[in-house]
Structure formats: C-alpha cells, structure tokens
C-alpha cells in the first residue's frame, strides 16, 4: 500500500495547505478564523488542520475531502 505524500490529513499544517493552489480559498469557505489572525501567522508551520477544526468546530471530514479533491 503506497502513501500519497500530497494528501492532506489531520496532521497537515496550515502552511502546507496554504501552499496548495486552492488551499486558501477552501479554508476561507469553511470560515477558518486563523487566516485573518495576526498571531496565527507565527504558528502556521505548527498548527495542524485537525487541531484547528476541533477548536473551531469545523467539519474536518468534509474539509479534508474538499482539499484532497482540489489537486
């Protein structure tokens, strides 16, 4: 079984998602508050999407599905 290194998982950091062509647009669609937070700018490399979704009650399953289908 091969692992797709380009696949977004709950362990993927926000900075990795923002590097994707449609990453910022998709995160904005889910009203991710971190995109406009000045403090988050310092943490983008360590904030994992799974943690952020849990904190802000964002549907992780649907977000991951959309991020992975947008490649």
PDB file of N, CA and C in Angstrom:
ATOM      1  N   UNK A   1       0.845  -1.185   0.000  1.00  0.00           N
ATOM      2  CA  UNK A   1       0.000   0.000   0.000  1.00  0.00           C
ATOM      3  C   UNK A   1       0.889   1.247   0.000  1.00  0.00           C
ATOM      4  N   UNK A   2       0.729   2.098  -0.986  1.00  0.00           N
ATOM      5  CA  UNK A   2       1.553   3.303  -1.060  1.00  0.00           C
ATOM      6  C   UNK A   2       0.842   4.469  -0.376  1.00  0.00           C
ATOM      7  N   UNK A   3       1.640   5.365   0.183  1.00  0.00           N
ATOM      8  CA  UNK A   3       1.102   6.543   0.862  1.00  0.00           C
ATOM      9  C   UNK A   3       1.283   7.751  -0.039  1.00  0.00           C
ATOM     10  N   UNK A   4       0.222   8.489  -0.252  1.00  0.00           N
ATOM     11  CA  UNK A   4       0.254   9.687  -1.083  1.00  0.00           C
ATOM     12  C   UNK A   4       0.757  10.841  -0.227  1.00  0.00           C
ATOM     13  N   UNK A   5       1.983  11.284  -0.459  1.00  0.00           N
ATOM     14  CA  UNK A   5       2.586  12.350   0.345  1.00  0.00           C
ATOM     15  C   UNK A   5       1.920  13.697   0.118  1.00  0.00           C
ATOM     16  N   UNK A   6       1.170  13.838  -0.966  1.00  0.00           N
ATOM     17  CA  UNK A   6       0.493  15.098  -1.262  1.00  0.00           C
ATOM     18  C   UNK A   6      -0.913  15.155  -0.664  1.00  0.00           C
ATOM     19  N   UNK A   7      -1.328  14.095  -0.046  1.00  0.00           N
ATOM     20  CA  UNK A   7      -2.668  14.021   0.542  1.00  0.00           C
ATOM     21  C   UNK A   7      -2.714  14.828   1.844  1.00  0.00           C
ATOM     22  N   UNK A   8      -3.763  15.612   2.004  1.00  0.00           N
ATOM     23  CA  UNK A   8      -3.954  16.383   3.223  1.00  0.00           C
ATOM     24  C   UNK A   8      -4.606  15.482   4.265  1.00  0.00           C
ATOM     25  N   UNK A   9      -4.043  15.462   5.473  1.00  0.00           N
ATOM     26  CA  UNK A   9      -4.595  14.689   6.582  1.00  0.00           C
ATOM     27  C   UNK A   9      -4.784  15.637   7.762  1.00  0.00           C
ATOM     28  N   UNK A  10      -5.308  15.110   8.859  1.00  0.00           N
ATOM     29  CA  UNK A  10      -5.497  15.946  10.044  1.00  0.00           C
ATOM     30  C   UNK A  10      -4.172  16.431  10.615  1.00  0.00           C
ATOM     31  N   UNK A  11      -3.066  15.814  10.214  1.00  0.00           N
ATOM     32  CA  UNK A  11      -1.737  16.203  10.680  1.00  0.00           C
ATOM     33  C   UNK A  11      -1.062  17.249   9.791  1.00  0.00           C
ATOM     34  N   UNK A  12      -1.678  17.590   8.687  1.00  0.00           N
ATOM     35  CA  UNK A  12      -1.109  18.573   7.757  1.00  0.00           C
ATOM     36  C   UNK A  12      -1.188  19.963   8.387  1.00  0.00           C
ATOM     37  N   UNK A  13      -0.103  20.727   8.271  1.00  0.00           N
ATOM     38  CA  UNK A  13      -0.085  22.072   8.854  1.00  0.00           C
ATOM     39  C   UNK A  13      -0.802  23.071   7.948  1.00  0.00           C
ATOM     40  N   UNK A  14      -1.219  24.165   8.551  1.00  0.00           N
ATOM     41  CA  UNK A  14      -1.879  25.210   7.766  1.00  0.00           C
ATOM     42  C   UNK A  14      -0.961  25.755   6.688  1.00  0.00           C
ATOM     43  N   UNK A  15       0.320  25.900   6.982  1.00  0.00           N
ATOM     44  CA  UNK A  15       1.241  26.436   5.969  1.00  0.00           C
ATOM     45  C   UNK A  15       1.331  25.504   4.765  1.00  0.00           C
ATOM     46  N   UNK A  16       1.289  24.202   4.998  1.00  0.00           N
ATOM     47  CA  UNK A  16       1.323  23.238   3.884  1.00  0.00           C
ATOM     48  C   UNK A  16       0.052  23.355   3.038  1.00  0.00           C
ATOM     49  N   UNK A  17      -1.074  23.556   3.685  1.00  0.00           N
ATOM     50  CA  UNK A  17      -2.339  23.699   2.950  1.00  0.00           C
ATOM     51  C   UNK A  17      -2.347  25.001   2.160  1.00  0.00           C
ATOM     52  N   UNK A  18      -1.818  26.058   2.742  1.00  0.00           N
ATOM     53  CA  UNK A  18      -1.806  27.356   2.067  1.00  0.00           C
ATOM     54  C   UNK A  18      -0.883  27.373   0.850  1.00  0.00           C
ATOM     55  N   UNK A  19       0.031  26.424   0.775  1.00  0.00           N
ATOM     56  CA  UNK A  19       0.916  26.316  -0.399  1.00  0.00           C
ATOM     57  C   UNK A  19       0.184  25.700  -1.594  1.00  0.00           C
ATOM     58  N   UNK A  20      -0.932  25.050  -1.340  1.00  0.00           N
ATOM     59  CA  UNK A  20      -1.709  24.424  -2.413  1.00  0.00           C
ATOM     60  C   UNK A  20      -2.445  25.498  -3.203  1.00  0.00           C
ATOM     61  N   UNK A  21      -2.623  25.303  -4.507  1.00  0.00           N
ATOM     62  CA  UNK A  21      -3.262  26.321  -5.347  1.00  0.00           C
ATOM     63  C   UNK A  21      -4.622  26.818  -4.829  1.00  0.00           C
ATOM     64  N   UNK A  22      -5.477  25.921  -4.357  1.00  0.00           N
ATOM     65  CA  UNK A  22      -6.811  26.334  -3.899  1.00  0.00           C
ATOM     66  C   UNK A  22      -6.949  26.284  -2.376  1.00  0.00           C
ATOM     67  N   UNK A  23      -5.853  26.071  -1.682  1.00  0.00           N
ATOM     68  CA  UNK A  23      -5.897  25.894  -0.238  1.00  0.00           C
ATOM     69  C   UNK A  23      -6.533  27.041   0.530  1.00  0.00           C
ATOM     70  N   UNK A  24      -6.084  28.254   0.260  1.00  0.00           N
ATOM     71  CA  UNK A  24      -6.608  29.408   0.998  1.00  0.00           C
ATOM     72  C   UNK A  24      -8.095  29.614   0.716  1.00  0.00           C
ATOM     73  N   UNK A  25      -8.487  29.442  -0.529  1.00  0.00           N
ATOM     74  CA  UNK A  25      -9.892  29.626  -0.912  1.00  0.00           C
ATOM     75  C   UNK A  25     -10.783  28.614  -0.187  1.00  0.00           C
ATOM     76  N   UNK A  26     -10.339  27.367  -0.117  1.00  0.00           N
ATOM     77  CA  UNK A  26     -11.133  26.330   0.546  1.00  0.00           C
ATOM     78  C   UNK A  26     -11.197  26.586   2.049  1.00  0.00           C
ATOM     79  N   UNK A  27     -10.080  26.945   2.661  1.00  0.00           N
ATOM     80  CA  UNK A  27     -10.086  27.247   4.100  1.00  0.00           C
ATOM     81  C   UNK A  27     -11.003  28.426   4.402  1.00  0.00           C
ATOM     82  N   UNK A  28     -10.990  29.424   3.540  1.00  0.00           N
ATOM     83  CA  UNK A  28     -11.858  30.598   3.727  1.00  0.00           C
ATOM     84  C   UNK A  28     -13.331  30.196   3.624  1.00  0.00           C
ATOM     85  N   UNK A  29     -13.634  29.271   2.737  1.00  0.00           N
ATOM     86  CA  UNK A  29     -15.013  28.780   2.573  1.00  0.00           C
ATOM     87  C   UNK A  29     -15.539  28.180   3.877  1.00  0.00           C
ATOM     88  N   UNK A  30     -14.646  27.565   4.649  1.00  0.00           N
ATOM     89  CA  UNK A  30     -15.019  26.950   5.919  1.00  0.00           C
ATOM     90  C   UNK A  30     -14.894  27.936   7.096  1.00  0.00           C
ATOM     91  N   UNK A  31     -14.704  29.211   6.767  1.00  0.00           N
ATOM     92  CA  UNK A  31     -14.622  30.277   7.774  1.00  0.00           C
ATOM     93  C   UNK A  31     -13.539  30.027   8.822  1.00  0.00           C
ATOM     94  N   UNK A  32     -12.406  29.559   8.371  1.00  0.00           N
ATOM     95  CA  UNK A  32     -11.300  29.303   9.279  1.00  0.00           C
ATOM     96  C   UNK A  32     -10.776  30.630   9.828  1.00  0.00           C
ATOM     97  N   UNK A  33     -10.934  30.893  11.112  1.00  0.00           N
ATOM     98  CA  UNK A  33     -10.556  32.188  11.675  1.00  0.00           C
ATOM     99  C   UNK A  33      -9.052  32.449  11.657  1.00  0.00           C
ATOM    100  N   UNK A  34      -8.250  31.415  11.566  1.00  0.00           N
ATOM    101  CA  UNK A  34      -6.797  31.577  11.607  1.00  0.00           C
ATOM    102  C   UNK A  34      -6.253  32.397  10.436  1.00  0.00           C
ATOM    103  N   UNK A  35      -6.967  32.415   9.331  1.00  0.00           N
ATOM    104  CA  UNK A  35      -6.467  33.115   8.150  1.00  0.00           C
ATOM    105  C   UNK A  35      -6.307  34.607   8.379  1.00  0.00           C
ATOM    106  N   UNK A  36      -7.127  35.188   9.232  1.00  0.00           N
ATOM    107  CA  UNK A  36      -7.049  36.616   9.487  1.00  0.00           C
ATOM    108  C   UNK A  36      -6.430  36.960  10.826  1.00  0.00           C
ATOM    109  N   UNK A  37      -6.002  35.963  11.561  1.00  0.00           N
ATOM    110  CA  UNK A  37      -5.455  36.192  12.902  1.00  0.00           C
ATOM    111  C   UNK A  37      -3.967  36.507  12.840  1.00  0.00           C
ATOM    112  N   UNK A  38      -3.559  37.673  13.369  1.00  0.00           N
ATOM    113  CA  UNK A  38      -2.143  38.034  13.340  1.00  0.00           C
ATOM    114  C   UNK A  38      -1.256  37.053  14.115  1.00  0.00           C
ATOM    115  N   UNK A  39      -1.759  36.495  15.194  1.00  0.00           N
ATOM    116  CA  UNK A  39      -0.956  35.550  15.977  1.00  0.00           C
ATOM    117  C   UNK A  39      -0.764  34.227  15.230  1.00  0.00           C
ATOM    118  N   UNK A  40      -1.751  33.814  14.477  1.00  0.00           N
ATOM    119  CA  UNK A  40      -1.660  32.550  13.743  1.00  0.00           C
ATOM    120  C   UNK A  40      -0.564  32.600  12.688  1.00  0.00           C
ATOM    121  N   UNK A  41      -0.270  33.797  12.185  1.00  0.00           N
ATOM    122  CA  UNK A  41       0.785  33.932  11.173  1.00  0.00           C
ATOM    123  C   UNK A  41       2.114  33.374  11.688  1.00  0.00           C
ATOM    124  N   UNK A  42       2.335  33.475  12.987  1.00  0.00           N
ATOM    125  CA  UNK A  42       3.572  32.963  13.584  1.00  0.00           C
ATOM    126  C   UNK A  42       3.522  31.452  13.808  1.00  0.00           C
ATOM    127  N   UNK A  43       2.324  30.885  13.783  1.00  0.00           N
ATOM    128  CA  UNK A  43       2.150  29.471  14.105  1.00  0.00           C
ATOM    129  C   UNK A  43       1.735  28.612  12.917  1.00  0.00           C
ATOM    130  N   UNK A  44       1.619  29.166  11.741  1.00  0.00           N
ATOM    131  CA  UNK A  44       1.119  28.424  10.575  1.00  0.00           C
ATOM    132  C   UNK A  44       1.907  27.141  10.313  1.00  0.00           C
ATOM    133  N   UNK A  45       3.179  27.137  10.636  1.00  0.00           N
ATOM    134  CA  UNK A  45       4.014  25.963  10.387  1.00  0.00           C
ATOM    135  C   UNK A  45       3.817  24.855  11.394  1.00  0.00           C
ATOM    136  N   UNK A  46       3.165  25.161  12.517  1.00  0.00           N
ATOM    137  CA  UNK A  46       2.958  24.140  13.545  1.00  0.00           C
ATOM    138  C   UNK A  46       1.490  23.805  13.778  1.00  0.00           C
ATOM    139  N   UNK A  47       0.584  24.690  13.378  1.00  0.00           N
ATOM    140  CA  UNK A  47      -0.845  24.418  13.567  1.00  0.00           C
ATOM    141  C   UNK A  47      -1.300  23.334  12.595  1.00  0.00           C
ATOM    142  N   UNK A  48      -1.834  22.254  13.137  1.00  0.00           N
ATOM    143  CA  UNK A  48      -2.332  21.159  12.300  1.00  0.00           C
ATOM    144  C   UNK A  48      -3.823  21.362  12.065  1.00  0.00           C
ATOM    145  N   UNK A  49      -4.263  21.053  10.860  1.00  0.00           N
ATOM    146  CA  UNK A  49      -5.647  21.303  10.480  1.00  0.00           C
ATOM    147  C   UNK A  49      -6.626  20.539  11.373  1.00  0.00           C
ATOM    148  N   UNK A  50      -6.257  19.358  11.822  1.00  0.00           N
ATOM    149  CA  UNK A  50      -7.123  18.595  12.713  1.00  0.00           C
ATOM    150  C   UNK A  50      -7.370  19.317  14.032  1.00  0.00           C
ATOM    151  N   UNK A  51      -6.312  19.924  14.586  1.00  0.00           N
ATOM    152  CA  UNK A  51      -6.426  20.667  15.846  1.00  0.00           C
ATOM    153  C   UNK A  51      -7.302  21.900  15.663  1.00  0.00           C
ATOM    154  N   UNK A  52      -7.083  22.611  14.578  1.00  0.00           N
ATOM    155  CA  UNK A  52      -7.824  23.839  14.308  1.00  0.00           C
ATOM    156  C   UNK A  52      -9.320  23.521  14.136  1.00  0.00           C
ATOM    157  N   UNK A  53      -9.624  22.464  13.398  1.00  0.00           N
ATOM    158  CA  UNK A  53     -11.025  22.084  13.182  1.00  0.00           C
ATOM    159  C   UNK A  53     -11.701  21.710  14.499  1.00  0.00           C
ATOM    160  N   UNK A  54     -10.967  21.045  15.359  1.00  0.00           N
ATOM    161  CA  UNK A  54     -11.527  20.657  16.658  1.00  0.00           C
ATOM    162  C   UNK A  54     -11.830  21.893  17.509  1.00  0.00           C
ATOM    163  N   UNK A  55     -10.912  22.832  17.539  1.00  0.00           N
ATOM    164  CA  UNK A  55     -11.075  24.053  18.335  1.00  0.00           C
ATOM    165  C   UNK A  55     -12.266  24.865  17.851  1.00  0.00           C
ATOM    166  N   UNK A  56     -12.425  24.996  16.532  1.00  0.00           N
ATOM    167  CA  UNK A  56     -13.453  25.873  15.964  1.00  0.00           C
ATOM    168  C   UNK A  56     -14.688  25.121  15.454  1.00  0.00           C
ATOM    169  N   UNK A  57     -14.767  23.828  15.788  1.00  0.00           N
ATOM    170  CA  UNK A  57     -15.926  23.012  15.419  1.00  0.00           C
ATOM    171  C   UNK A  57     -16.202  23.052  13.907  1.00  0.00           C
ATOM    172  N   UNK A  58     -15.145  22.829  13.137  1.00  0.00           N
ATOM    173  CA  UNK A  58     -15.238  22.789  11.672  1.00  0.00           C
ATOM    174  C   UNK A  58     -15.258  21.322  11.252  1.00  0.00           C
ATOM    175  N   UNK A  59     -16.065  20.991  10.268  1.00  0.00           N
ATOM    176  CA  UNK A  59     -16.223  19.620   9.794  1.00  0.00           C
ATOM    177  C   UNK A  59     -14.936  19.158   9.092  1.00  0.00           C
ATOM    178  N   UNK A  60     -14.090  18.467   9.837  1.00  0.00           N
ATOM    179  CA  UNK A  60     -12.789  18.031   9.325  1.00  0.00           C
ATOM    180  C   UNK A  60     -12.934  17.074   8.143  1.00  0.00           C
ATOM    181  N   UNK A  61     -13.856  16.133   8.243  1.00  0.00           N
ATOM    182  CA  UNK A  61     -14.021  15.133   7.180  1.00  0.00           C
ATOM    183  C   UNK A  61     -14.328  15.798   5.840  1.00  0.00           C
ATOM    184  N   UNK A  62     -15.288  16.703   5.829  1.00  0.00           N
ATOM    185  CA  UNK A  62     -15.655  17.380   4.585  1.00  0.00           C
ATOM    186  C   UNK A  62     -14.540  18.295   4.090  1.00  0.00           C
ATOM    187  N   UNK A  63     -13.878  18.984   5.014  1.00  0.00           N
ATOM    188  CA  UNK A  63     -12.772  19.873   4.629  1.00  0.00           C
ATOM    189  C   UNK A  63     -11.652  19.066   3.986  1.00  0.00           C
ATOM    190  N   UNK A  64     -11.260  17.958   4.587  1.00  0.00           N
ATOM    191  CA  UNK A  64     -10.197  17.134   4.016  1.00  0.00           C
ATOM    192  C   UNK A  64     -10.597  16.586   2.644  1.00  0.00           C
ATOM    193  N   UNK A  65     -11.842  16.170   2.539  1.00  0.00           N
ATOM    194  CA  UNK A  65     -12.321  15.644   1.249  1.00  0.00           C
ATOM    195  C   UNK A  65     -12.207  16.718   0.165  1.00  0.00           C
ATOM    196  N   UNK A  66     -12.606  17.933   0.501  1.00  0.00           N
ATOM    197  CA  UNK A  66     -12.553  19.006  -0.484  1.00  0.00           C
ATOM    198  C   UNK A  66     -11.113  19.393  -0.827  1.00  0.00           C
ATOM    199  N   UNK A  67     -10.268  19.463   0.184  1.00  0.00           N
ATOM    200  CA  UNK A  67      -8.859  19.803  -0.067  1.00  0.00           C
ATOM    201  C   UNK A  67      -8.189  18.744  -0.940  1.00  0.00           C
ATOM    202  N   UNK A  68      -8.474  17.493  -0.688  1.00  0.00           N
ATOM    203  CA  UNK A  68      -7.828  16.411  -1.445  1.00  0.00           C
ATOM    204  C   UNK A  68      -8.394  16.244  -2.851  1.00  0.00           C
ATOM    205  N   UNK A  69      -9.602  16.689  -3.073  1.00  0.00           N
ATOM    206  CA  UNK A  69     -10.164  16.582  -4.423  1.00  0.00           C
ATOM    207  C   UNK A  69      -9.831  17.792  -5.279  1.00  0.00           C
ATOM    208  N   UNK A  70      -9.208  18.810  -4.686  1.00  0.00           N
ATOM    209  CA  UNK A  70      -8.912  20.037  -5.437  1.00  0.00           C
ATOM    210  C   UNK A  70      -7.541  20.036  -6.095  1.00  0.00           C
ATOM    211  N   UNK A  71      -6.822  18.942  -6.007  1.00  0.00           N
ATOM    212  CA  UNK A  71      -5.443  18.920  -6.524  1.00  0.00           C
ATOM    213  C   UNK A  71      -5.378  19.034  -7.997  1.00  0.00           C
TER     214      UNK A  71
END
